Amino acid sequence: MNHLFIIGAQRSGSTYLYHLLNTHPHVLMAQPVQPEPKFFLNDKLYAKGREFYEAAYFNSWTNETRYLGEKGTSYIETETVAQRIREFYPNARILMILRDPVQRAWSNYRFSVQHGLEPLDFKTALVAESDRLKHAAFNTSVNPYAYRRRGHYIDYIKTYLNIFDANQVCILILEEIAGNLKGVQALYRWLNIDDSFNPPTLGEIINPTNVKGEAPIKALRDLASGYQQSQEMLESYLGRRIEMWRRHWETL
């Protein structure tokens, strides 16, 4: 059996990607989608081994199933997770779905507010981020306050490329794949599964943030400025420009 992992990034469409795959007859994703298993982040669960993992989360696969998959939006941030996945599944396919980092940070902030994790306004939270990354207490799997830090995607990509071959890693851009059947079918081809499948969730908005409020334009402009270098590094790795992100920043 083949294995795939959606490793993040947070608030970048990983749940959307989960459903694009789980509705495909050749893929079975770990159940339930929420809460995520977070198996490879949990020392006690991981110690139970591969057989436990497969029995616990994949009990309904059929003769059609070619991939067993898991979504862990925090997996992208932890080198230990990458090492553990490779130990169990050295030939696994790794999927990263990335979103305009400015939009991602704002969405991440609203998600934290929605779940009672964030008492600060967005601008203050960004100013406090450095200190909170070092000293904040939290009960989530990873620090909930890394709004700016999480958008430097190339750093996380490098970590996984040190552990997996580049041909095992697929990087998707949310703005390019959402609602785009050709883009989704290209992913199916990369996985060597039926690329004629039209997923019923293609046009759905999944797992939106419900917190209302105007985006703080000045703070978003400052974020965009700070992401220029890391985006250029990401584009260099991909071998192309991500025009949708650039156009959005130009209009802030």
Protein backbone atom coordinates (compact mmCIF):
# COMPACT_ATOMS: atom_id res chain seq x y z
CA MET A 1 0.00 0.00 0.00
CA ASN A 2 1.16 3.54 -0.79
CA HIS A 3 1.03 6.34 1.76
CA LEU A 4 0.65 10.11 1.50
CA PHE A 5 0.77 12.91 4.03
CA ILE A 6 -0.71 16.40 3.82
CA ILE A 7 1.66 18.20 6.18
CA GLY A 8 0.29 21.77 6.03
CA ALA A 9 0.60 24.69 6.04
CA GLN A 10 -1.97 25.78 8.60
CA ARG A 11 -4.89 27.84 7.23
CA SER A 12 -3.74 27.18 3.68
CA GLY A 13 -6.43 24.82 2.44
CA SER A 14 -5.22 21.53 3.89
CA THR A 15 -8.79 20.47 4.79
CA TYR A 16 -9.91 21.34 1.27
CA LEU A 17 -7.07 19.18 -0.08
CA TYR A 18 -8.05 16.38 2.30
CA HIS A 19 -11.51 16.23 0.75
CA LEU A 20 -10.18 16.39 -2.82
CA LEU A 21 -8.25 13.24 -2.01
CA ASN A 22 -10.67 11.46 0.30
CA THR A 23 -13.48 11.59 -2.26
CA HIS A 24 -11.24 9.91 -4.83
CA PRO A 25 -11.95 6.16 -5.01
CA HIS A 26 -8.23 5.33 -4.92
CA VAL A 27 -7.47 7.24 -1.70
CA LEU A 28 -8.53 6.65 1.90
CA MET A 29 -7.72 9.48 4.28
CA ALA A 30 -7.43 8.96 8.04
CA GLN A 31 -10.71 9.36 9.87
CA PRO A 32 -11.97 11.63 11.27
CA VAL A 33 -10.68 14.76 9.56
CA GLN A 34 -11.26 16.68 12.84
CA PRO A 35 -9.66 16.27 15.24
CA GLU A 36 -6.58 15.27 13.28
CA PRO A 37 -4.77 12.12 14.44
CA LYS A 38 -1.49 14.03 15.00
CA PHE A 39 -0.02 10.55 15.36
CA PHE A 40 3.54 11.49 14.45
CA LEU A 41 3.52 14.42 16.88
CA ASN A 42 2.42 12.29 19.81
CA ASP A 43 5.26 10.35 21.45
CA LYS A 44 2.93 7.86 23.14
CA LEU A 45 0.95 7.12 20.00
CA TYR A 46 4.07 6.88 17.86
CA ALA A 47 5.58 4.37 20.27
CA LYS A 48 2.67 2.01 19.55
CA GLY A 49 4.07 1.45 16.10
CA ARG A 50 3.07 1.21 12.47
CA GLU A 51 0.58 -1.66 12.82
CA PHE A 52 -1.34 0.25 15.49
CA TYR A 53 -1.38 3.37 13.30
CA GLU A 54 -2.81 1.61 10.29
CA ALA A 55 -5.40 -0.34 12.29
CA ALA A 56 -6.53 2.73 14.24
CA TYR A 57 -7.07 5.14 11.35
CA PHE A 58 -7.57 3.08 8.19
CA ASN A 59 -10.11 0.35 8.86
CA SER A 60 -12.25 0.76 5.76
CA TRP A 61 -9.89 0.42 2.79
CA THR A 62 -10.98 -1.66 -0.19
CA ASN A 63 -9.40 -3.36 -3.18
CA GLU A 64 -9.64 -0.03 -5.01
CA THR A 65 -7.55 1.80 -2.40
CA ARG A 66 -4.06 2.69 -3.58
CA TYR A 67 -3.14 5.28 -0.95
CA LEU A 68 -3.67 5.65 2.76
CA GLY A 69 -3.30 9.29 3.72
CA GLU A 70 -3.19 11.54 6.74
CA LYS A 71 -3.54 15.29 7.18
CA GLY A 72 -1.52 16.98 9.89
CA THR A 73 -1.35 20.76 9.53
CA SER A 74 1.33 20.99 12.22
CA TYR A 75 3.56 18.36 10.63
CA ILE A 76 5.29 20.86 8.36
CA GLU A 77 6.86 22.63 11.36
CA THR A 78 8.57 19.67 13.01
CA GLU A 79 11.68 17.89 11.74
CA THR A 80 11.01 15.00 14.12
CA VAL A 81 7.72 14.32 12.33
CA ALA A 82 9.48 14.15 8.96
CA GLN A 83 11.99 11.68 10.39
CA ARG A 84 9.25 9.55 11.91
CA ILE A 85 7.22 9.45 8.71
CA ARG A 86 10.32 8.38 6.79
CA GLU A 87 11.05 5.67 9.36
CA PHE A 88 7.59 4.14 8.87
CA TYR A 89 7.10 4.99 5.18
CA PRO A 90 10.36 5.82 3.36
CA ASN A 91 8.53 6.02 0.02
CA ALA A 92 5.67 8.23 1.23
CA ARG A 93 4.37 11.08 -0.89
CA ILE A 94 4.49 14.44 0.92
CA LEU A 95 1.96 17.15 0.02
CA MET A 96 2.37 20.78 1.06
CA ILE A 97 -0.39 23.24 0.24
CA LEU A 98 0.63 26.88 0.60
CA ARG A 99 -1.37 30.08 0.60
CA ASP A 100 -0.45 33.73 0.17
CA PRO A 101 1.45 34.12 3.47
CA VAL A 102 -0.16 37.49 4.20
CA GLN A 103 -3.65 36.05 3.84
CA ARG A 104 -2.57 32.95 5.73
CA ALA A 105 -1.32 34.99 8.72
CA TRP A 106 -4.55 36.98 8.91
CA SER A 107 -6.61 33.79 8.69
CA ASN A 108 -4.44 32.12 11.34
CA TYR A 109 -4.98 35.08 13.66
CA ARG A 110 -8.77 35.00 13.21
CA PHE A 111 -8.76 31.23 13.76
CA SER A 112 -6.92 31.76 17.08
CA VAL A 113 -9.45 34.43 18.08
CA GLN A 114 -12.33 32.15 17.13
CA HIS A 115 -11.01 29.39 19.40
CA GLY A 116 -10.33 31.63 22.37
CA LEU A 117 -6.55 31.50 22.04
CA GLU A 118 -5.87 35.12 21.10
CA PRO A 119 -6.72 38.16 23.30
CA LEU A 120 -4.60 40.67 21.37
CA ASP A 121 -5.42 42.69 18.28
CA PHE A 122 -3.57 41.64 15.12
CA LYS A 123 -0.97 44.42 15.08
CA THR A 124 -0.10 43.87 18.75
CA ALA A 125 0.06 40.12 18.22
CA LEU A 126 2.61 40.58 15.44
CA VAL A 127 4.75 42.83 17.63
CA ALA A 128 4.58 40.27 20.45
CA GLU A 129 5.26 37.27 18.23
CA SER A 130 9.00 36.98 18.79
CA ASP A 131 8.62 36.91 22.57
CA ARG A 132 5.63 34.58 22.39
CA LEU A 133 7.55 32.09 20.27
CA LYS A 134 10.04 31.81 23.11
CA HIS A 135 7.90 32.12 26.22
CA ALA A 136 4.18 31.65 25.52
CA ALA A 137 2.37 28.82 27.28
CA PHE A 138 -0.14 26.92 25.12
CA ASN A 139 -1.93 23.59 25.02
CA THR A 140 -2.05 23.18 21.25
CA SER A 141 0.29 20.89 19.29
CA VAL A 142 2.39 23.85 18.10
CA ASN A 143 2.63 27.51 19.08
CA PRO A 144 -0.62 29.22 17.99
CA TYR A 145 1.03 32.65 17.74
CA ALA A 146 3.51 32.07 14.87
CA TYR A 147 1.48 34.17 12.46
CA ARG A 148 4.46 35.77 10.72
CA ARG A 149 6.88 32.86 11.14
CA ARG A 150 4.63 30.28 9.48
CA GLY A 151 4.62 32.21 6.22
CA HIS A 152 8.34 31.63 5.59
CA TYR A 153 7.53 28.40 3.80
CA ILE A 154 10.91 27.79 2.23
CA ASP A 155 12.44 27.06 5.64
CA TYR A 156 10.01 24.19 6.22
CA ILE A 157 10.44 22.91 2.68
CA LYS A 158 14.20 22.69 3.16
CA THR A 159 13.69 20.59 6.29
CA TYR A 160 11.62 18.02 4.42
CA LEU A 161 13.95 18.00 1.42
CA ASN A 162 16.78 17.05 3.76
CA ILE A 163 14.82 13.90 4.66
CA PHE A 164 12.82 13.01 1.53
CA ASP A 165 13.79 13.00 -2.14
CA ALA A 166 12.46 15.99 -4.04
CA ASN A 167 10.41 13.70 -6.30
CA GLN A 168 8.44 12.58 -3.23
CA VAL A 169 7.38 16.14 -2.37
CA CYS A 170 4.56 18.02 -4.11
CA ILE A 171 4.04 21.71 -3.39
CA LEU A 172 0.61 23.09 -4.23
CA ILE A 173 -0.51 26.72 -4.22
CA LEU A 174 -4.04 27.12 -2.86
CA GLU A 175 -4.96 30.02 -5.12
CA GLU A 176 -3.95 27.96 -8.17
CA ILE A 177 -5.71 24.72 -7.26
CA ALA A 178 -8.94 25.83 -5.53
CA GLY A 179 -11.84 25.26 -7.92
CA ASN A 180 -9.40 24.37 -10.71
CA LEU A 181 -10.22 20.91 -12.04
CA LYS A 182 -7.15 20.79 -14.29
CA GLY A 183 -4.90 21.59 -11.33
CA VAL A 184 -6.53 18.93 -9.18
CA GLN A 185 -6.28 16.35 -11.95
CA ALA A 186 -2.58 17.17 -12.33
CA LEU A 187 -2.21 16.21 -8.66
CA TYR A 188 -4.03 12.95 -9.31
CA ARG A 189 -1.59 12.23 -12.14
CA TRP A 190 1.35 12.94 -9.85
CA LEU A 191 -0.05 10.29 -7.50
CA ASN A 192 -0.65 7.90 -10.42
CA ILE A 193 -4.36 7.60 -9.72
CA ASP A 194 -7.33 8.11 -12.04
CA ASP A 195 -7.06 11.70 -13.28
CA SER A 196 -10.50 11.69 -14.91
CA PHE A 197 -12.16 11.89 -11.49
CA ASN A 198 -14.10 15.11 -10.82
CA PRO A 199 -14.20 15.63 -7.03
CA PRO A 200 -17.62 16.70 -5.71
CA THR A 201 -15.96 19.11 -3.26
CA LEU A 202 -14.05 21.01 -5.95
CA GLY A 203 -16.04 24.25 -5.60
CA GLU A 204 -16.73 24.12 -1.87
CA ILE A 205 -15.36 26.49 0.76
CA ILE A 206 -14.26 24.24 3.59
CA ASN A 207 -13.34 25.14 7.19
CA PRO A 208 -13.76 28.93 6.90
CA THR A 209 -12.96 31.31 9.73
CA ASN A 210 -16.10 32.84 11.23
CA VAL A 211 -14.53 35.85 12.98
CA LYS A 212 -15.57 39.10 11.29
CA GLY A 213 -13.66 42.34 11.06
CA GLU A 214 -11.78 44.57 8.65
CA ALA A 215 -8.29 43.47 7.69
CA PRO A 216 -5.65 45.85 9.14
CA ILE A 217 -4.14 47.05 5.88
CA LYS A 218 -1.01 48.68 7.36
CA ALA A 219 -0.07 45.49 9.23
CA LEU A 220 -0.70 43.39 6.13
CA ARG A 221 1.49 45.68 4.02
CA ASP A 222 4.31 45.32 6.54
CA LEU A 223 3.90 41.55 6.43
CA ALA A 224 4.06 41.52 2.64
CA SER A 225 7.29 43.50 2.71
CA GLY A 226 8.82 41.04 5.15
CA TYR A 227 7.98 38.05 2.98
CA GLN A 228 9.66 39.27 -0.20
CA GLN A 229 12.95 37.43 0.28
CA SER A 230 11.46 34.11 1.37
CA GLN A 231 8.96 34.23 -1.50
CA GLU A 232 11.77 34.78 -3.97
CA MET A 233 13.54 31.75 -2.51
CA LEU A 234 10.35 29.70 -2.82
CA GLU A 235 9.87 30.85 -6.41
CA SER A 236 13.48 29.94 -7.17
CA TYR A 237 12.86 26.44 -5.87
CA LEU A 238 9.63 26.11 -7.85
CA GLY A 239 11.23 27.60 -10.96
CA ARG A 240 8.45 30.12 -11.50
CA ARG A 241 6.79 33.21 -10.03
CA ILE A 242 3.63 33.00 -7.94
CA GLU A 243 1.83 35.82 -9.66
CA MET A 244 -1.41 35.67 -7.65
CA TRP A 245 0.42 36.46 -4.43
CA ARG A 246 2.35 39.30 -6.01
CA ARG A 247 -0.77 40.87 -7.50
CA HIS A 248 -2.52 40.73 -4.15
CA TRP A 249 0.36 42.44 -2.35
CA GLU A 250 0.46 45.20 -4.97
CA THR A 251 -3.19 46.08 -4.22
CA LEU A 252 -2.84 46.28 -0.41
